[in-house]
C-alpha atoms as a PDB file:
ATOM      1  CA  MET A   1     -14.757  -9.962  -2.855  1.00  0.00           C
ATOM      2  CA  LYS A   2     -12.766 -12.711  -3.462  1.00  0.00           C
ATOM      3  CA  PHE A   3     -10.728 -10.712  -5.815  1.00  0.00           C
ATOM      4  CA  ALA A   4      -9.967  -7.875  -3.118  1.00  0.00           C
ATOM      5  CA  LYS A   5      -9.007 -10.947  -1.454  1.00  0.00           C
ATOM      6  CA  ILE A   6      -6.750 -12.175  -3.332  1.00  0.00           C
ATOM      7  CA  VAL A   7      -4.958  -9.135  -4.155  1.00  0.00           C
ATOM      8  CA  PHE A   8      -4.617  -7.841  -0.434  1.00  0.00           C
ATOM      9  CA  TRP A   9      -2.694 -11.551  -0.037  1.00  0.00           C
ATOM     10  CA  ILE A  10      -0.822 -10.412  -2.260  1.00  0.00           C
ATOM     11  CA  ALA A  11       0.307  -7.400  -1.367  1.00  0.00           C
ATOM     12  CA  VAL A  12       0.480  -8.617   2.109  1.00  0.00           C
ATOM     13  CA  VAL A  13       3.808 -11.103   0.535  1.00  0.00           C
ATOM     14  CA  TRP A  14       5.178  -8.662  -1.533  1.00  0.00           C
ATOM     15  CA  GLY A  15       4.976  -6.201   0.723  1.00  0.00           C
ATOM     16  CA  PHE A  16       7.142  -8.552   3.428  1.00  0.00           C
ATOM     17  CA  LEU A  17       9.315 -10.019   1.183  1.00  0.00           C
ATOM     18  CA  VAL A  18      10.059  -6.600  -0.303  1.00  0.00           C
ATOM     19  CA  LEU A  19      10.921  -4.349   2.268  1.00  0.00           C
ATOM     20  CA  THR A  20      12.387  -6.741   4.985  1.00  0.00           C
ATOM     21  CA  PRO A  21      15.340  -6.904   3.320  1.00  0.00           C
ATOM     22  CA  LEU A  22      16.032  -3.011   3.555  1.00  0.00           C
ATOM     23  CA  LEU A  23      15.946  -3.230   7.951  1.00  0.00           C
ATOM     24  CA  PHE A  24      19.709  -5.253   6.473  1.00  0.00           C
ATOM     25  CA  LEU A  25      20.937  -3.573   3.994  1.00  0.00           C
ATOM     26  CA  PHE A  26      21.510   0.124   5.235  1.00  0.00           C
ATOM     27  CA  ASP A  27      25.308   0.058   4.109  1.00  0.00           C
ATOM     28  CA  LYS A  28      24.966  -1.683   1.128  1.00  0.00           C
ATOM     29  CA  ILE A  29      22.093   0.881  -0.250  1.00  0.00           C
ATOM     30  CA  GLY A  30      24.706   3.900   0.576  1.00  0.00           C
ATOM     31  CA  ALA A  31      27.954   1.575  -1.698  1.00  0.00           C
ATOM     32  CA  GLN A  32      25.488   0.880  -4.468  1.00  0.00           C
ATOM     33  CA  ASP A  33      23.559   4.218  -4.753  1.00  0.00           C
ATOM     34  CA  PRO A  34      26.128   7.331  -3.344  1.00  0.00           C
ATOM     35  CA  PRO A  35      25.549   9.230  -1.689  1.00  0.00           C
ATOM     36  CA  PRO A  36      24.765   6.931   1.618  1.00  0.00           C
ATOM     37  CA  ILE A  37      22.517   7.590   3.694  1.00  0.00           C
ATOM     38  CA  THR A  38      22.878  10.423   6.135  1.00  0.00           C
ATOM     39  CA  HIS A  39      19.765   9.978   8.131  1.00  0.00           C
ATOM     40  CA  PRO A  40      19.531   6.317   9.583  1.00  0.00           C
ATOM     41  CA  GLY A  41      16.013   7.918  11.369  1.00  0.00           C
ATOM     42  CA  PHE A  42      14.632   8.684   8.671  1.00  0.00           C
ATOM     43  CA  TYR A  43      15.509   6.042   6.526  1.00  0.00           C
ATOM     44  CA  TYR A  44      14.726   3.210   9.502  1.00  0.00           C
ATOM     45  CA  GLY A  45      11.306   4.799  10.117  1.00  0.00           C
ATOM     46  CA  PHE A  46      10.525   4.399   6.760  1.00  0.00           C
ATOM     47  CA  VAL A  47      11.083   1.258   6.350  1.00  0.00           C
ATOM     48  CA  THR A  48       9.125   0.319   9.531  1.00  0.00           C
ATOM     49  CA  VAL A  49       6.470   2.369   8.816  1.00  0.00           C
ATOM     50  CA  ALA A  50       5.807   0.493   5.553  1.00  0.00           C
ATOM     51  CA  LEU A  51       5.941  -2.574   7.011  1.00  0.00           C
ATOM     52  CA  ALA A  52       3.336  -1.989   9.934  1.00  0.00           C
ATOM     53  CA  PHE A  53       1.242  -1.221   6.741  1.00  0.00           C
ATOM     54  CA  GLN A  54       1.224  -3.839   5.521  1.00  0.00           C
ATOM     55  CA  THR A  55      -0.248  -5.164   8.519  1.00  0.00           C
ATOM     56  CA  VAL A  56      -3.352  -2.975   7.320  1.00  0.00           C
ATOM     57  CA  PHE A  57      -2.717  -5.265   4.482  1.00  0.00           C
ATOM     58  CA  LEU A  58      -3.315  -8.121   6.839  1.00  0.00           C
ATOM     59  CA  VAL A  59      -6.493  -6.705   8.001  1.00  0.00           C
ATOM     60  CA  ILE A  60      -8.139  -6.228   4.497  1.00  0.00           C
ATOM     61  CA  ALA A  61      -7.318  -9.556   3.603  1.00  0.00           C
ATOM     62  CA  ARG A  62      -8.575 -11.181   5.779  1.00  0.00           C
ATOM     63  CA  ASP A  63     -12.369  -9.572   6.313  1.00  0.00           C
ATOM     64  CA  PRO A  64     -12.270  -7.366   2.369  1.00  0.00           C
ATOM     65  CA  VAL A  65     -16.052  -6.104   3.036  1.00  0.00           C
ATOM     66  CA  ARG A  66     -15.870  -5.016   6.380  1.00  0.00           C
ATOM     67  CA  MET A  67     -12.508  -2.993   5.669  1.00  0.00           C
ATOM     68  CA  ARG A  68     -13.336  -1.610   2.407  1.00  0.00           C
ATOM     69  CA  PRO A  69     -13.081   2.192   3.738  1.00  0.00           C
ATOM     70  CA  MET A  70      -9.531   1.257   4.170  1.00  0.00           C
ATOM     71  CA  MET A  71      -8.926   0.014   1.152  1.00  0.00           C
ATOM     72  CA  ILE A  72      -9.169   4.232  -0.271  1.00  0.00           C
ATOM     73  CA  PRO A  73      -5.758   4.720   2.180  1.00  0.00           C
ATOM     74  CA  ALA A  74      -4.489   1.195   0.561  1.00  0.00           C
ATOM     75  CA  VAL A  75      -4.852   2.470  -2.743  1.00  0.00           C
ATOM     76  CA  ILE A  76      -2.936   6.181  -2.141  1.00  0.00           C
ATOM     77  CA  GLU A  77      -0.309   4.398  -0.495  1.00  0.00           C
ATOM     78  CA  LYS A  78       0.387   2.086  -3.894  1.00  0.00           C
ATOM     79  CA  PHE A  79       0.252   4.669  -5.704  1.00  0.00           C
ATOM     80  CA  SER A  80       2.400   7.621  -4.105  1.00  0.00           C
ATOM     81  CA  TYR A  81       5.653   5.855  -4.195  1.00  0.00           C
ATOM     82  CA  CYS A  82       4.836   5.766  -8.105  1.00  0.00           C
ATOM     83  CA  ASP A  83       3.733   9.531  -8.190  1.00  0.00           C
ATOM     84  CA  CYS A  84       6.948  10.224  -6.265  1.00  0.00           C
ATOM     85  CA  ARG A  85       8.948   8.749  -8.192  1.00  0.00           C
ATOM     86  CA  SER A  86       7.360  10.387 -11.326  1.00  0.00           C
ATOM     87  CA  ARG A  87       8.118  13.533 -10.411  1.00  0.00           C
ATOM     88  CA  ALA A  88      11.941  13.168  -8.773  1.00  0.00           C
ATOM     89  CA  LEU A  89      13.355  11.212 -11.586  1.00  0.00           C
ATOM     90  CA  PRO A  90      12.681  14.189 -13.950  1.00  0.00           C
ATOM     91  CA  ALA A  91      14.396  16.983 -11.920  1.00  0.00           C
ATOM     92  CA  GLY A  92      17.101  15.163 -11.287  1.00  0.00           C
ATOM     93  CA  ALA A  93      16.969  13.195  -8.027  1.00  0.00           C
ATOM     94  CA  TYR A  94      17.537   9.400  -9.018  1.00  0.00           C
ATOM     95  CA  GLU A  95      20.264   9.018 -11.543  1.00  0.00           C
ATOM     96  CA  GLY A  96      18.442   6.725 -13.795  1.00  0.00           C
ATOM     97  CA  PRO A  97      15.157   4.991 -14.375  1.00  0.00           C
ATOM     98  CA  ARG A  98      14.276   1.649 -12.490  1.00  0.00           C
ATOM     99  CA  PRO A  99      10.961   0.965 -15.137  1.00  0.00           C
ATOM    100  CA  GLY A 100      10.289  -2.415 -13.323  1.00  0.00           C
ATOM    101  CA  VAL A 101       9.865  -0.740  -9.689  1.00  0.00           C
ATOM    102  CA  ARG A 102       7.291   1.966 -11.002  1.00  0.00           C
ATOM    103  CA  ARG A 103       5.628  -0.562 -13.119  1.00  0.00           C
ATOM    104  CA  GLY A 104       5.319  -2.643 -10.241  1.00  0.00           C
ATOM    105  CA  GLY A 105       3.788  -0.644  -7.884  1.00  0.00           C
ATOM    106  CA  ARG A 106       1.404   0.969 -10.671  1.00  0.00           C
ATOM    107  CA  LEU A 107       0.537  -2.729 -11.298  1.00  0.00           C
ATOM    108  CA  ALA A 108      -0.425  -3.481  -7.502  1.00  0.00           C
ATOM    109  CA  GLY A 109      -1.912  -0.175  -6.867  1.00  0.00           C
ATOM    110  CA  SER A 110      -4.449  -0.627  -9.993  1.00  0.00           C
ATOM    111  CA  ALA A 111      -5.135  -4.270  -8.837  1.00  0.00           C
ATOM    112  CA  VAL A 112      -5.475  -2.761  -4.800  1.00  0.00           C
ATOM    113  CA  ARG A 113      -8.114  -0.288  -7.167  1.00  0.00           C
ATOM    114  CA  GLY A 114      -9.800  -3.105  -8.684  1.00  0.00           C
ATOM    115  CA  GLY A 115     -10.567  -4.609  -5.328  1.00  0.00           C
ATOM    116  CA  VAL A 116     -12.030  -1.530  -4.236  1.00  0.00           C
ATOM    117  CA  GLY A 117     -14.561  -1.643  -6.464  1.00  0.00           C
ATOM    118  CA  GLU A 118     -15.147  -4.718  -7.580  1.00  0.00           C
ATOM    119  CA  ASP A 119     -18.151  -5.553  -5.837  1.00  0.00           C
ATOM    120  CA  ALA A 120     -20.014  -2.170  -4.923  1.00  0.00           C
ATOM    121  CA  GLN A 121     -23.550  -4.046  -3.911  1.00  0.00           C
ATOM    122  CA  PHE A 122     -23.316  -6.112  -1.226  1.00  0.00           C
ATOM    123  CA  PRO A 123     -25.165  -9.353  -1.304  1.00  0.00           C
ATOM    124  CA  PRO A 124     -28.403  -9.301   0.897  1.00  0.00           C
ATOM    125  CA  GLY A 125     -28.519  -9.680   4.204  1.00  0.00           C
ATOM    126  CA  ASP A 126     -24.577  -8.399   4.191  1.00  0.00           C
ATOM    127  CA  VAL A 127     -25.741  -4.728   5.735  1.00  0.00           C
ATOM    128  CA  ASN A 128     -28.157  -3.975   8.088  1.00  0.00           C
ATOM    129  CA  THR A 129     -30.613  -1.271   6.490  1.00  0.00           C
ATOM    130  CA  THR A 130     -32.809  -1.404   9.633  1.00  0.00           C
ATOM    131  CA  LYS A 131     -30.759   0.968  11.848  1.00  0.00           C
ATOM    132  CA  PRO A 132     -30.419   4.541  11.601  1.00  0.00           C
ATOM    133  CA  PRO A 133     -27.225   5.514  11.329  1.00  0.00           C
ATOM    134  CA  ALA A 134     -25.288   6.841  14.660  1.00  0.00           C
ATOM    135  CA  TRP A 135     -25.219  10.474  13.422  1.00  0.00           C
ATOM    136  CA  GLU A 136     -28.977  10.156  12.693  1.00  0.00           C
ATOM    137  CA  ALA A 137     -29.939   8.721  16.052  1.00  0.00           C
ATOM    138  CA  ARG A 138     -28.422  10.966  18.079  1.00  0.00           C
ATOM    139  CA  ARG A 139     -30.469  13.849  17.079  1.00  0.00           C
END
């Protein structure tokens, strides 16, 4: 799981570096890409939720074996932005393509997906196979 650990640490650093400045660029974004933002609650809500999700990447990076189920939402998070951009661009919701942003998201999503499937077989001793699952123990 060394690959997954490295990938998720990169995702943590990248996410904080890209998202944190958005908290301070509210007015500049409206001037650079008109029209101005009319619902600051949605804007700041998105940025703070996205920053909060970076802590999920941090938790996964610290212990990828234990947090393996959380890698699936992480892949969805990385690819969802690319999917939204790809669907909105032909509809005319954006003035021009920003291929670098899309490629960066796809690259990160692919790396995260690679980290998920990197080590499907755990080394012996990592998984307790002697104890039945909780749903079987209740019967």
